[in-house]
Protein backbone atom coordinates (compact mmCIF):
# COMPACT_ATOMS: atom_id res chain seq x y z
CA MET A 1 0.01 0.00 0.01
CA THR A 2 1.20 3.50 -0.79
CA ALA A 3 -0.51 6.30 1.11
CA ARG A 4 -2.34 9.14 -0.62
CA LEU A 5 -0.84 12.53 0.12
CA ILE A 6 -2.75 15.22 1.95
CA ASP A 7 -1.36 18.32 0.29
CA GLY A 8 -1.32 21.03 2.89
CA LYS A 9 -0.03 23.67 0.56
CA ALA A 10 -2.89 23.24 -1.89
CA LEU A 11 -5.56 23.03 0.86
CA ALA A 12 -4.10 26.06 2.61
CA ALA A 13 -4.20 28.01 -0.66
CA SER A 14 -7.92 27.13 -0.95
CA VAL A 15 -8.67 28.16 2.62
CA ARG A 16 -6.75 31.47 2.10
CA ALA A 17 -8.73 32.20 -1.11
CA GLU A 18 -12.02 31.61 0.79
CA THR A 19 -10.69 33.89 3.55
CA ALA A 20 -9.74 36.61 1.09
CA THR A 21 -13.28 36.55 -0.30
CA ARG A 22 -14.76 36.99 3.15
CA ALA A 23 -12.25 39.78 3.91
CA ALA A 24 -13.16 41.59 0.73
CA ALA A 25 -16.85 41.38 1.58
CA LEU A 26 -16.20 42.94 4.96
CA ALA A 27 -13.98 45.64 3.51
CA ALA A 28 -16.74 46.57 1.04
CA THR A 29 -18.80 47.48 4.13
CA GLY A 30 -15.98 49.61 5.57
CA ARG A 31 -14.79 46.85 8.00
CA GLN A 32 -11.36 45.64 6.97
CA PRO A 33 -10.14 42.73 9.22
CA ALA A 34 -7.00 43.67 11.05
CA LEU A 35 -4.42 41.55 12.93
CA ALA A 36 -1.81 42.97 15.33
CA VAL A 37 1.34 40.82 15.52
CA ILE A 38 3.81 41.60 18.33
CA LEU A 39 7.34 40.29 18.39
CA VAL A 40 9.56 40.82 21.47
CA GLY A 41 13.23 40.09 21.06
CA GLU A 42 15.33 38.88 18.17
CA ASN A 43 14.63 35.19 17.97
CA ALA A 44 15.59 34.31 14.31
CA ALA A 45 12.90 31.68 13.88
CA SER A 46 10.21 34.00 15.32
CA GLN A 47 11.24 36.71 12.97
CA VAL A 48 10.66 34.34 9.98
CA TYR A 49 7.28 33.20 11.39
CA VAL A 50 6.16 36.84 11.78
CA ARG A 51 7.25 37.83 8.35
CA ASN A 52 5.31 34.95 6.88
CA LYS A 53 2.22 35.83 8.84
CA VAL A 54 2.37 39.54 7.84
CA ALA A 55 2.85 38.59 4.20
CA ALA A 56 -0.10 36.14 4.40
CA CYS A 57 -2.32 38.91 5.85
CA GLU A 58 -1.51 41.23 2.98
CA GLN A 59 -2.26 38.54 0.40
CA ALA A 60 -5.63 37.84 2.08
CA GLY A 61 -6.73 41.49 2.32
CA ILE A 62 -6.22 41.61 6.13
CA ARG A 63 -4.55 44.71 7.52
CA SER A 64 -1.53 43.75 9.53
CA ILE A 65 -0.02 45.76 12.38
CA HIS A 66 3.48 44.47 12.89
CA GLU A 67 5.08 45.71 16.11
CA THR A 68 8.65 44.69 17.09
CA TYR A 69 10.14 45.46 20.52
CA PRO A 70 13.57 44.83 22.06
CA ALA A 71 14.18 41.79 24.26
CA ALA A 72 14.62 44.14 27.21
CA MET A 73 10.95 45.30 27.02
CA ARG A 74 9.37 45.10 30.41
CA GLU A 75 6.38 42.86 30.96
CA GLY A 76 4.27 45.81 32.16
CA GLU A 77 4.97 47.67 28.90
CA LEU A 78 3.86 44.69 26.86
CA LEU A 79 0.72 44.24 28.90
CA ALA A 80 -0.11 47.93 28.50
CA ARG A 81 0.28 47.67 24.73
CA ILE A 82 -2.04 44.65 24.65
CA HIS A 83 -4.68 46.48 26.66
CA ALA A 84 -4.44 49.38 24.19
CA LEU A 85 -4.98 47.03 21.28
CA ASN A 86 -7.91 45.31 23.17
CA ALA A 87 -9.59 48.75 23.31
CA ASP A 88 -8.96 49.54 19.63
CA ASP A 89 -12.09 48.54 17.67
CA SER A 90 -10.21 48.68 14.37
CA VAL A 91 -8.07 45.76 15.52
CA HIS A 92 -9.83 42.34 15.43
CA GLY A 93 -7.01 39.89 16.27
CA ILE A 94 -3.93 40.05 18.54
CA LEU A 95 -1.06 37.67 18.28
CA VAL A 96 2.04 37.74 20.50
CA GLN A 97 4.68 35.58 18.89
CA LEU A 98 6.15 32.96 21.26
CA PRO A 99 8.59 32.29 22.82
CA LEU A 100 8.93 35.49 24.85
CA PRO A 101 12.08 36.54 26.74
CA ALA A 102 12.53 34.62 30.00
CA HIS A 103 11.63 37.61 32.23
CA ILE A 104 8.11 37.78 30.70
CA ASP A 105 5.33 35.54 31.83
CA ALA A 106 3.95 34.17 28.60
CA GLN A 107 0.73 32.90 30.18
CA ARG A 108 0.04 36.31 31.80
CA VAL A 109 0.54 37.93 28.45
CA ILE A 110 -1.80 35.48 26.62
CA GLU A 111 -4.45 35.96 29.31
CA ALA A 112 -4.25 39.79 28.82
CA ILE A 113 -5.55 39.42 25.22
CA SER A 114 -9.22 39.83 24.98
CA PRO A 115 -10.92 36.52 24.23
CA ARG A 116 -12.79 38.25 21.37
CA LYS A 117 -9.33 38.95 19.77
CA ASP A 118 -7.54 35.72 20.75
CA VAL A 119 -7.20 34.43 17.18
CA ASP A 120 -4.37 32.10 18.29
CA GLY A 121 -6.87 30.27 20.50
CA PHE A 122 -4.52 30.16 23.50
CA HIS A 123 -6.58 32.16 26.10
CA VAL A 124 -8.04 30.17 28.94
CA ALA A 125 -11.52 31.28 27.85
CA SER A 126 -10.92 29.84 24.40
CA ALA A 127 -9.75 26.58 26.02
CA GLY A 128 -12.80 26.54 28.23
CA ALA A 129 -15.11 27.05 25.31
CA LEU A 130 -13.47 24.13 23.51
CA LEU A 131 -13.78 21.95 26.62
CA VAL A 132 -17.51 22.42 26.97
CA GLY A 133 -18.26 22.50 23.26
CA ARG A 134 -19.13 26.18 22.96
CA ASP A 135 -18.23 28.57 20.18
CA GLY A 136 -14.82 30.15 20.48
CA PHE A 137 -11.47 30.45 18.71
CA ARG A 138 -9.77 27.13 18.17
CA PRO A 139 -5.95 26.96 18.13
CA CYS A 140 -4.75 27.20 14.56
CA THR A 141 -2.70 24.03 14.23
CA PRO A 142 -5.32 21.65 15.61
CA LEU A 143 -7.95 23.50 13.61
CA GLY A 144 -5.84 23.00 10.50
CA CYS A 145 -5.62 19.23 11.28
CA MET A 146 -9.39 18.98 11.60
CA ARG A 147 -9.82 20.83 8.30
CA MET A 148 -7.47 18.28 6.70
CA LEU A 149 -9.59 15.45 7.93
CA GLU A 150 -12.78 17.09 6.56
CA HIS A 151 -10.95 17.57 3.28
CA ILE A 152 -10.48 13.83 2.82
CA GLY A 153 -14.10 13.18 3.75
CA MET A 154 -13.76 12.51 7.47
CA ARG A 155 -16.29 14.99 8.91
CA SER A 156 -17.51 12.49 11.42
CA LEU A 157 -15.12 10.12 13.20
CA ARG A 158 -17.76 8.11 14.88
CA GLY A 159 -16.52 4.53 15.52
CA LEU A 160 -12.91 5.47 14.83
CA HIS A 161 -9.93 5.55 17.21
CA ALA A 162 -7.62 8.56 17.18
CA VAL A 163 -4.22 8.63 18.88
CA VAL A 164 -2.44 11.86 19.47
CA VAL A 165 1.24 11.46 20.30
CA GLY A 166 2.10 14.68 22.15
CA ARG A 167 0.44 16.22 25.19
CA SER A 168 1.16 19.99 24.71
CA ASN A 169 -1.45 22.59 25.46
CA ILE A 170 -0.83 24.16 22.09
CA VAL A 171 -1.51 21.10 19.91
CA GLY A 172 -1.98 17.80 21.74
CA LYS A 173 -4.76 18.54 24.22
CA PRO A 174 -6.83 20.90 22.07
CA LEU A 175 -6.62 18.53 19.10
CA ALA A 176 -7.74 15.64 21.31
CA LEU A 177 -10.81 17.70 22.36
CA MET A 178 -11.65 18.54 18.70
CA LEU A 179 -11.35 14.90 17.76
CA LEU A 180 -13.77 14.07 20.58
CA GLU A 181 -16.13 16.72 19.16
CA ALA A 182 -16.04 14.72 15.91
CA ASP A 183 -17.15 11.60 17.82
CA ALA A 184 -13.78 9.77 17.80
CA THR A 185 -12.46 7.70 20.63
CA VAL A 186 -9.27 9.43 21.62
CA THR A 187 -6.02 8.36 23.31
CA ILE A 188 -3.27 10.86 24.20
CA ALA A 189 0.13 9.36 24.28
CA HIS A 190 3.76 10.68 24.46
CA SER A 191 7.28 9.47 23.69
CA GLY A 192 7.50 7.62 27.06
CA THR A 193 4.14 5.82 26.82
CA PRO A 194 4.69 2.11 27.52
CA ASP A 195 4.56 0.12 24.32
CA LEU A 196 3.96 3.27 22.29
CA ALA A 197 4.06 1.16 19.03
CA ALA A 198 1.08 -0.94 20.07
CA THR A 199 -0.86 2.21 21.08
CA CYS A 200 -0.16 3.80 17.69
CA ARG A 201 -1.06 0.60 15.75
CA GLY A 202 -4.56 0.83 17.23
CA ALA A 203 -5.19 4.20 15.62
CA ASP A 204 -7.40 4.87 12.64
CA VAL A 205 -6.17 8.51 12.88
CA LEU A 206 -2.67 8.93 14.11
CA VAL A 207 -1.34 12.40 14.91
CA ALA A 208 2.33 12.96 15.71
CA ALA A 209 3.07 16.16 17.65
CA VAL A 210 5.92 15.28 19.99
CA GLY A 211 8.89 17.06 18.56
CA ARG A 212 11.07 13.95 18.02
CA PRO A 213 12.43 13.38 14.49
CA ARG A 214 11.02 10.31 12.80
CA LEU A 215 9.77 8.83 16.08
CA ILE A 216 6.75 7.20 14.38
CA THR A 217 7.82 4.46 11.93
CA GLY A 218 5.81 2.41 9.49
CA ALA A 219 5.84 -0.55 11.93
CA MET A 220 3.84 1.67 14.31
CA VAL A 221 1.08 2.53 11.78
CA LYS A 222 -2.13 0.57 11.32
CA PRO A 223 -2.63 -0.34 7.66
CA GLY A 224 -4.85 2.22 5.96
CA ALA A 225 -4.65 4.72 8.85
CA VAL A 226 -4.64 8.52 8.36
CA VAL A 227 -1.32 9.94 9.60
CA LEU A 228 -1.02 13.63 10.36
CA ASP A 229 2.54 14.80 11.08
CA VAL A 230 2.54 18.06 13.07
CA GLY A 231 6.25 17.91 13.91
CA ILE A 232 8.91 19.89 12.18
CA ASN A 233 12.53 19.20 13.04
CA ARG A 234 15.77 20.46 11.52
CA LEU A 235 18.39 17.85 11.01
CA PRO A 236 22.17 18.40 11.30
CA ASP A 237 22.44 18.69 7.54
CA GLY A 238 19.89 21.56 7.58
CA SER A 239 17.03 19.56 6.07
CA LEU A 240 13.59 19.32 7.58
CA CYS A 241 11.69 16.25 8.73
CA GLY A 242 8.64 15.48 10.75
CA ASP A 243 7.91 13.26 13.77
CA VAL A 244 6.96 10.56 11.40
CA ASP A 245 9.34 8.48 9.27
CA PHE A 246 7.67 9.35 6.00
CA ALA A 247 9.45 6.78 3.91
CA SER A 248 8.27 3.76 5.92
CA ALA A 249 4.94 5.21 7.19
CA SER A 250 3.72 6.07 3.67
CA GLN A 251 4.04 2.44 2.68
CA VAL A 252 1.44 1.47 5.35
CA ALA A 253 -0.90 4.46 5.80
CA GLY A 254 -3.96 5.25 3.75
CA TRP A 255 -3.39 8.98 3.97
CA ILE A 256 -0.35 10.91 5.16
CA THR A 257 0.85 14.52 5.39
CA PRO A 258 4.37 15.45 4.26
CA VAL A 259 6.90 17.61 6.05
CA PRO A 260 7.28 20.32 4.88
CA GLY A 261 4.10 21.10 2.99
CA GLY A 262 1.58 19.35 5.21
CA VAL A 263 0.14 20.70 8.44
CA GLY A 264 2.46 23.74 8.56
CA PRO A 265 0.73 25.84 5.83
CA MET A 266 -2.61 25.14 7.40
CA THR A 267 -1.63 26.81 10.65
CA ILE A 268 -1.23 30.22 8.97
CA ALA A 269 -4.36 29.66 6.86
CA MET A 270 -6.44 29.06 9.99
CA LEU A 271 -4.97 32.10 11.72
CA LEU A 272 -6.27 34.20 8.77
CA ALA A 273 -9.64 32.53 8.95
CA ASN A 274 -9.87 33.19 12.71
CA THR A 275 -9.01 36.84 12.15
CA VAL A 276 -11.75 37.25 9.61
CA GLN A 277 -14.17 35.48 11.89
CA ALA A 278 -13.19 37.94 14.71
CA CYS A 279 -14.11 40.79 12.42
CA GLU A 280 -17.34 39.19 11.33
CA THR A 281 -18.51 38.75 14.89
CA ALA A 282 -17.15 42.01 16.32
């Protein structure tokens, strides 16, 4: 068996086109969606991520407010700036790029963002809405994963078993809750789970989000399973790979995402969609 590829780049382009159409409709009424992106410090990877997000906003017709501050910025100054953006009705989404410098409490900063503008879906109010099944912003990477499943015809996962390898609050736990919303039976595992291979082989939908290069091999995949690889790891030679050993897993799975070009592009696409939604509901 050779798995069919879930092309994240192509699907993200479709989502971004839909989002641009919605943004244009709002702009025609005098309400252009706007996203404020704040970067504190000079983390090279964060600078690249922010540039990509700003460029994506421009392409989708979303006004971007790109603010960069030195690593020495005090926490109180950052919180004050967030409060000002919360009060600005022309700004619909606020994103503070992580990681922040060590002297700034990232959770305190996230909680300072108004839930109405929490387009990253990290606020405790967003997490609570997800937990009880109410409307709210979903974190972008898990939301992108769910959109991928819908794209291949898996809107309902009733009767299926999903395994999420990775317990983070950013991907693992929110994605597990979204899978439960879709009626899947869900197991959350991690790299130290006893007999991880057996756990993974029981999955109809297997998601790797643990941050370990090629941890999931083909021998750990149920024949015909859907494999979503959220990981992105840089190898010593500079190349990128996921948490799944693509070469072996793709010979067993029914569907699989590549790295790069899989889940990654969907993350930014869903950020744009969340920002437009924030404007639509403001």
